N, C-alpha and C. Protein backbone atom coordinates (compact mmCIF):
# COMPACT_ATOMS: atom_id res chain seq x y z
N MET A 1 -57.26 -11.69 -24.10
CA MET A 1 -56.18 -12.26 -24.50
C MET A 1 -56.59 -13.29 -25.16
N GLN A 2 -56.16 -13.91 -26.46
CA GLN A 2 -56.40 -15.05 -27.29
C GLN A 2 -55.48 -16.23 -26.72
N ALA A 3 -56.36 -17.18 -26.41
CA ALA A 3 -55.65 -18.46 -26.10
C ALA A 3 -54.54 -19.09 -26.87
N GLY A 4 -54.70 -18.79 -28.16
CA GLY A 4 -53.83 -19.33 -28.96
C GLY A 4 -52.32 -18.85 -28.91
N SER A 5 -52.10 -17.71 -28.23
CA SER A 5 -50.97 -17.16 -28.28
C SER A 5 -50.14 -17.75 -26.87
N LEU A 6 -50.65 -18.53 -25.99
CA LEU A 6 -50.19 -19.06 -24.75
C LEU A 6 -50.10 -20.60 -25.29
N LYS A 7 -48.84 -20.68 -25.84
CA LYS A 7 -48.60 -22.14 -26.14
C LYS A 7 -47.60 -22.95 -25.56
N ASN A 8 -46.97 -22.36 -24.36
CA ASN A 8 -45.92 -23.00 -23.74
C ASN A 8 -46.57 -23.40 -22.30
N ARG A 9 -46.58 -24.83 -22.03
CA ARG A 9 -47.14 -25.20 -20.64
C ARG A 9 -46.00 -25.16 -19.45
N VAL A 10 -45.92 -24.16 -18.80
CA VAL A 10 -45.04 -23.95 -17.76
C VAL A 10 -45.38 -23.99 -16.40
N GLU A 11 -44.30 -24.20 -15.38
CA GLU A 11 -44.77 -24.52 -14.05
C GLU A 11 -43.74 -23.23 -13.13
N ILE A 12 -44.84 -22.78 -12.10
CA ILE A 12 -44.26 -21.97 -11.48
C ILE A 12 -43.76 -22.42 -9.81
N TRP A 13 -42.57 -22.13 -9.61
CA TRP A 13 -42.13 -22.76 -8.32
C TRP A 13 -41.67 -21.70 -7.28
N ARG A 14 -42.04 -21.87 -5.98
CA ARG A 14 -41.55 -20.78 -5.19
C ARG A 14 -40.93 -21.49 -3.94
N PHE A 15 -40.12 -20.87 -3.26
CA PHE A 15 -39.63 -21.07 -1.86
C PHE A 15 -40.64 -21.44 -1.05
N HIS A 16 -40.23 -22.51 -0.27
CA HIS A 16 -41.30 -23.11 0.64
C HIS A 16 -40.64 -23.68 2.13
N ALA A 17 -40.94 -23.20 3.06
CA ALA A 17 -40.32 -23.58 4.44
C ALA A 17 -40.82 -25.04 4.72
N VAL A 18 -39.68 -25.73 4.84
CA VAL A 18 -40.02 -27.17 5.52
C VAL A 18 -38.93 -27.62 6.75
N GLN A 19 -39.13 -28.69 7.44
CA GLN A 19 -38.25 -29.02 8.34
C GLN A 19 -37.41 -30.27 7.81
N ASP A 20 -36.06 -30.00 8.30
CA ASP A 20 -35.16 -31.24 7.80
C ASP A 20 -35.02 -32.10 9.00
N GLU A 21 -34.23 -33.33 8.59
CA GLU A 21 -34.14 -34.29 9.68
C GLU A 21 -33.88 -33.82 11.01
N THR A 22 -33.26 -32.70 11.20
CA THR A 22 -32.80 -32.10 12.60
C THR A 22 -33.98 -31.40 13.20
N GLY A 23 -34.97 -31.01 12.61
CA GLY A 23 -36.26 -30.06 13.10
C GLY A 23 -35.94 -28.75 12.74
N ALA A 24 -34.68 -28.44 12.03
CA ALA A 24 -34.60 -26.94 11.50
C ALA A 24 -35.36 -26.53 10.44
N ASN A 25 -35.81 -25.54 10.53
CA ASN A 25 -36.78 -24.72 9.37
C ASN A 25 -35.66 -24.83 8.23
N VAL A 26 -35.88 -25.09 6.76
CA VAL A 26 -35.13 -24.68 5.80
C VAL A 26 -36.04 -24.40 4.57
N GLN A 27 -35.45 -23.44 3.66
CA GLN A 27 -36.10 -23.14 2.41
C GLN A 27 -35.64 -23.96 1.18
N GLU A 28 -36.82 -24.67 0.68
CA GLU A 28 -36.34 -25.19 -0.70
C GLU A 28 -37.47 -25.07 -1.63
N TRP A 29 -36.96 -25.24 -3.05
CA TRP A 29 -38.00 -24.92 -4.14
C TRP A 29 -39.29 -25.72 -4.00
N ALA A 30 -40.36 -25.41 -4.05
CA ALA A 30 -41.70 -26.21 -4.30
C ALA A 30 -42.59 -25.81 -5.33
N PHE A 31 -43.12 -27.15 -6.01
CA PHE A 31 -44.11 -26.61 -7.05
C PHE A 31 -45.18 -25.91 -6.57
N PHE A 32 -45.82 -24.75 -7.46
CA PHE A 32 -46.64 -23.81 -6.75
C PHE A 32 -47.95 -23.96 -8.12
N LEU A 33 -47.69 -23.52 -9.23
CA LEU A 33 -48.97 -23.54 -10.28
C LEU A 33 -48.14 -24.13 -11.65
N ARG A 34 -49.11 -24.70 -12.48
CA ARG A 34 -48.91 -24.81 -13.68
C ARG A 34 -49.96 -24.21 -14.47
N LEU A 35 -49.33 -23.55 -15.52
CA LEU A 35 -50.03 -22.74 -16.43
C LEU A 35 -49.72 -22.43 -17.85
N TRP A 36 -50.55 -21.99 -18.81
CA TRP A 36 -50.08 -21.78 -20.01
C TRP A 36 -49.46 -20.34 -20.00
N ALA A 37 -48.32 -20.30 -20.97
CA ALA A 37 -47.52 -18.96 -21.28
C ALA A 37 -47.07 -18.77 -22.60
N ASN A 38 -46.86 -17.77 -23.04
CA ASN A 38 -45.98 -17.19 -24.07
C ASN A 38 -44.52 -16.62 -23.67
N ILE A 39 -43.69 -17.48 -23.94
CA ILE A 39 -42.07 -16.97 -23.58
C ILE A 39 -41.59 -16.46 -24.79
N ARG A 40 -40.91 -15.29 -24.60
CA ARG A 40 -40.30 -14.58 -25.74
C ARG A 40 -38.65 -14.26 -25.19
N HIS A 41 -37.62 -14.50 -25.75
CA HIS A 41 -36.30 -14.46 -25.38
C HIS A 41 -36.10 -12.66 -26.02
N VAL A 42 -35.94 -11.91 -25.09
CA VAL A 42 -35.89 -10.56 -25.28
C VAL A 42 -34.39 -10.03 -25.62
N SER A 43 -33.42 -10.80 -25.02
CA SER A 43 -32.05 -10.42 -25.36
C SER A 43 -31.05 -11.60 -24.80
N GLY A 44 -29.83 -11.56 -25.08
CA GLY A 44 -28.97 -12.57 -24.66
C GLY A 44 -27.43 -12.07 -24.89
N SER A 45 -26.74 -12.20 -23.91
CA SER A 45 -25.32 -11.91 -24.19
C SER A 45 -24.28 -12.99 -23.53
N GLN A 46 -22.95 -12.97 -24.01
CA GLN A 46 -22.20 -13.87 -23.48
C GLN A 46 -20.90 -13.13 -23.13
N ALA A 47 -20.09 -13.44 -22.18
CA ALA A 47 -18.76 -12.59 -21.69
C ALA A 47 -18.15 -13.75 -20.98
N ILE A 48 -16.92 -13.47 -20.81
CA ILE A 48 -15.66 -14.39 -20.14
C ILE A 48 -15.38 -13.53 -18.82
N LYS A 49 -15.86 -14.36 -17.94
CA LYS A 49 -15.65 -13.81 -16.43
C LYS A 49 -14.88 -14.71 -15.58
N ALA A 50 -13.66 -14.35 -15.07
CA ALA A 50 -12.78 -15.09 -14.41
C ALA A 50 -12.52 -16.33 -15.07
N ASP A 51 -12.23 -16.40 -16.51
CA ASP A 51 -11.81 -17.53 -17.34
C ASP A 51 -12.90 -18.33 -17.57
N THR A 52 -14.12 -18.00 -17.33
CA THR A 52 -15.06 -18.56 -17.60
C THR A 52 -16.29 -18.11 -18.49
N GLN A 53 -16.64 -18.81 -19.50
CA GLN A 53 -17.67 -18.19 -20.45
C GLN A 53 -19.04 -18.15 -19.41
N THR A 54 -19.65 -17.09 -19.77
CA THR A 54 -21.04 -17.13 -18.98
C THR A 54 -21.95 -16.59 -19.80
N GLU A 55 -23.19 -16.59 -19.77
CA GLU A 55 -24.28 -16.22 -20.86
C GLU A 55 -25.42 -15.63 -19.79
N SER A 56 -25.95 -14.59 -20.36
CA SER A 56 -27.08 -13.78 -19.74
C SER A 56 -28.36 -13.77 -20.70
N VAL A 57 -29.69 -14.43 -20.37
CA VAL A 57 -30.42 -14.48 -21.24
C VAL A 57 -31.62 -13.88 -20.29
N LYS A 58 -32.20 -12.78 -21.21
CA LYS A 58 -33.55 -12.19 -20.66
C LYS A 58 -34.66 -12.67 -21.47
N ALA A 59 -35.92 -13.02 -20.73
CA ALA A 59 -37.10 -13.29 -21.27
C ALA A 59 -38.07 -12.56 -20.66
N SER A 60 -39.17 -12.53 -21.52
CA SER A 60 -40.44 -11.92 -21.02
C SER A 60 -41.64 -12.98 -21.12
N ILE A 61 -42.06 -13.57 -20.15
CA ILE A 61 -43.37 -14.59 -20.02
C ILE A 61 -44.58 -13.85 -19.98
N ARG A 62 -45.40 -14.19 -20.65
CA ARG A 62 -46.90 -13.56 -20.56
C ARG A 62 -47.80 -14.57 -20.36
N ILE A 63 -48.45 -14.50 -19.19
CA ILE A 63 -49.70 -15.63 -18.59
C ILE A 63 -50.69 -14.83 -18.36
N ARG A 64 -51.89 -15.59 -18.29
CA ARG A 64 -53.23 -14.83 -18.06
C ARG A 64 -52.90 -14.21 -16.65
N PHE A 65 -53.70 -13.11 -16.53
CA PHE A 65 -53.71 -12.22 -15.16
C PHE A 65 -53.79 -13.14 -13.94
N ASN A 66 -52.77 -12.84 -13.08
CA ASN A 66 -52.47 -13.74 -12.13
C ASN A 66 -51.65 -12.97 -10.90
N GLU A 67 -52.61 -12.54 -9.87
CA GLU A 67 -51.95 -11.97 -8.64
C GLU A 67 -51.22 -12.58 -7.69
N GLN A 68 -51.21 -14.10 -8.07
CA GLN A 68 -50.20 -14.75 -6.86
C GLN A 68 -49.04 -14.88 -7.18
N ILE A 69 -48.72 -14.67 -8.49
CA ILE A 69 -47.29 -14.67 -9.00
C ILE A 69 -46.51 -13.42 -8.24
N GLN A 70 -45.46 -13.70 -7.55
CA GLN A 70 -44.45 -12.57 -7.17
C GLN A 70 -42.96 -12.79 -7.67
N SER A 71 -42.45 -11.62 -7.56
CA SER A 71 -40.59 -11.54 -7.96
C SER A 71 -39.93 -12.61 -6.96
N GLY A 72 -39.26 -13.19 -7.47
CA GLY A 72 -38.46 -14.01 -6.67
C GLY A 72 -38.93 -15.72 -6.93
N MET A 73 -40.17 -15.71 -7.52
CA MET A 73 -40.49 -17.17 -7.84
C MET A 73 -39.56 -17.66 -9.24
N GLN A 74 -39.97 -18.76 -9.36
CA GLN A 74 -39.19 -19.38 -10.60
C GLN A 74 -40.19 -19.88 -11.86
N VAL A 75 -39.91 -19.74 -12.91
CA VAL A 75 -40.68 -20.24 -14.08
C VAL A 75 -39.92 -21.58 -14.71
N ARG A 76 -40.35 -22.72 -14.74
CA ARG A 76 -39.77 -23.95 -15.11
C ARG A 76 -40.38 -24.31 -16.52
N TYR A 77 -39.57 -24.70 -17.53
CA TYR A 77 -39.95 -25.00 -18.73
C TYR A 77 -38.93 -25.93 -19.55
N ARG A 78 -39.18 -26.82 -19.74
CA ARG A 78 -38.39 -28.07 -20.60
C ARG A 78 -37.10 -28.02 -19.99
N GLY A 79 -36.92 -28.15 -18.82
CA GLY A 79 -35.70 -28.11 -18.04
C GLY A 79 -34.91 -26.90 -18.06
N GLU A 80 -35.62 -25.73 -18.25
CA GLU A 80 -34.94 -24.47 -18.07
C GLU A 80 -35.34 -23.95 -17.06
N ILE A 81 -34.97 -23.02 -16.26
CA ILE A 81 -35.09 -22.30 -15.18
C ILE A 81 -35.06 -20.82 -15.54
N TYR A 82 -36.12 -20.10 -15.19
CA TYR A 82 -36.11 -18.56 -15.27
C TYR A 82 -36.55 -17.96 -13.87
N GLN A 83 -35.62 -17.00 -13.30
CA GLN A 83 -35.96 -16.35 -12.23
C GLN A 83 -36.66 -15.26 -12.47
N ILE A 84 -37.87 -15.01 -11.76
CA ILE A 84 -38.75 -13.95 -12.13
C ILE A 84 -38.10 -12.70 -11.37
N ASP A 85 -37.73 -11.47 -11.91
CA ASP A 85 -37.12 -10.48 -11.41
C ASP A 85 -38.23 -9.24 -11.20
N ALA A 86 -39.29 -9.30 -12.06
CA ALA A 86 -40.37 -8.48 -11.99
C ALA A 86 -41.57 -8.83 -12.42
N VAL A 87 -42.64 -8.51 -11.78
CA VAL A 87 -44.07 -8.91 -12.12
C VAL A 87 -44.76 -7.67 -12.48
N LEU A 88 -45.29 -7.52 -13.77
CA LEU A 88 -46.01 -6.45 -14.44
C LEU A 88 -47.47 -6.89 -14.83
N HIS A 89 -48.39 -6.39 -13.93
CA HIS A 89 -49.88 -6.87 -14.08
C HIS A 89 -50.68 -5.74 -15.00
N ASP A 90 -51.63 -6.37 -15.68
CA ASP A 90 -52.49 -5.41 -16.52
C ASP A 90 -53.72 -5.15 -15.77
N TYR A 91 -53.57 -4.21 -14.96
CA TYR A 91 -54.60 -3.94 -13.91
C TYR A 91 -55.60 -3.20 -14.85
N GLN A 92 -55.43 -2.50 -15.83
CA GLN A 92 -56.71 -1.91 -16.54
C GLN A 92 -57.63 -2.78 -17.02
N HIS A 93 -57.14 -3.84 -17.70
CA HIS A 93 -57.87 -4.64 -18.46
C HIS A 93 -57.99 -6.42 -17.66
N LYS A 94 -57.15 -6.57 -16.88
CA LYS A 94 -56.78 -7.85 -16.12
C LYS A 94 -56.75 -8.83 -17.11
N ASP A 95 -56.29 -8.70 -18.01
CA ASP A 95 -56.13 -9.88 -19.33
C ASP A 95 -54.96 -10.46 -18.97
N PHE A 96 -53.52 -9.99 -18.80
CA PHE A 96 -52.24 -10.68 -18.71
C PHE A 96 -51.48 -10.09 -17.51
N THR A 97 -50.63 -10.98 -17.29
CA THR A 97 -49.35 -10.29 -16.34
C THR A 97 -48.27 -10.89 -17.03
N ASP A 98 -47.14 -9.96 -17.13
CA ASP A 98 -45.69 -10.03 -18.12
C ASP A 98 -44.90 -10.21 -16.77
N LEU A 99 -44.02 -11.47 -16.91
CA LEU A 99 -43.07 -11.69 -16.01
C LEU A 99 -41.52 -11.36 -16.54
N VAL A 100 -40.95 -10.53 -16.09
CA VAL A 100 -39.54 -10.18 -16.51
C VAL A 100 -38.61 -11.16 -15.78
N CYS A 101 -37.73 -11.87 -16.82
CA CYS A 101 -37.12 -13.00 -16.03
C CYS A 101 -35.74 -12.95 -16.51
N LEU A 102 -34.98 -13.75 -16.07
CA LEU A 102 -33.65 -14.08 -16.16
C LEU A 102 -33.19 -15.42 -16.12
N LYS A 103 -32.64 -16.10 -17.15
CA LYS A 103 -32.39 -17.50 -17.35
C LYS A 103 -31.39 -17.82 -16.33
N VAL A 104 -31.62 -18.84 -15.35
CA VAL A 104 -30.69 -19.43 -14.66
C VAL A 104 -30.08 -20.52 -15.12
N GLU A 105 -28.41 -20.25 -14.97
CA GLU A 105 -27.63 -21.22 -15.60
C GLU A 105 -27.60 -22.56 -14.72
């Protein structure tokens, strides 16, 4: 994989268990990794649901091969949040991992 194609510096976030002030375990988003990526918006659509305009943006985010990334994590880039729906590893060459994402509103 050519390093020049990975132009976007992104952060990976995951749910992490912490204790709140009452001692109960709660899940919250926590920073996990910072890495280089190539973000491509594959499709987008707009709809009106319950008298509110909504949009759906799907993205494919390519990173260097990394087996630590799992579905359910988030990619954050310039204030935008993408939910990772699927993780596709290149097991043959171990060059890249593709993340199938949906932009969170």
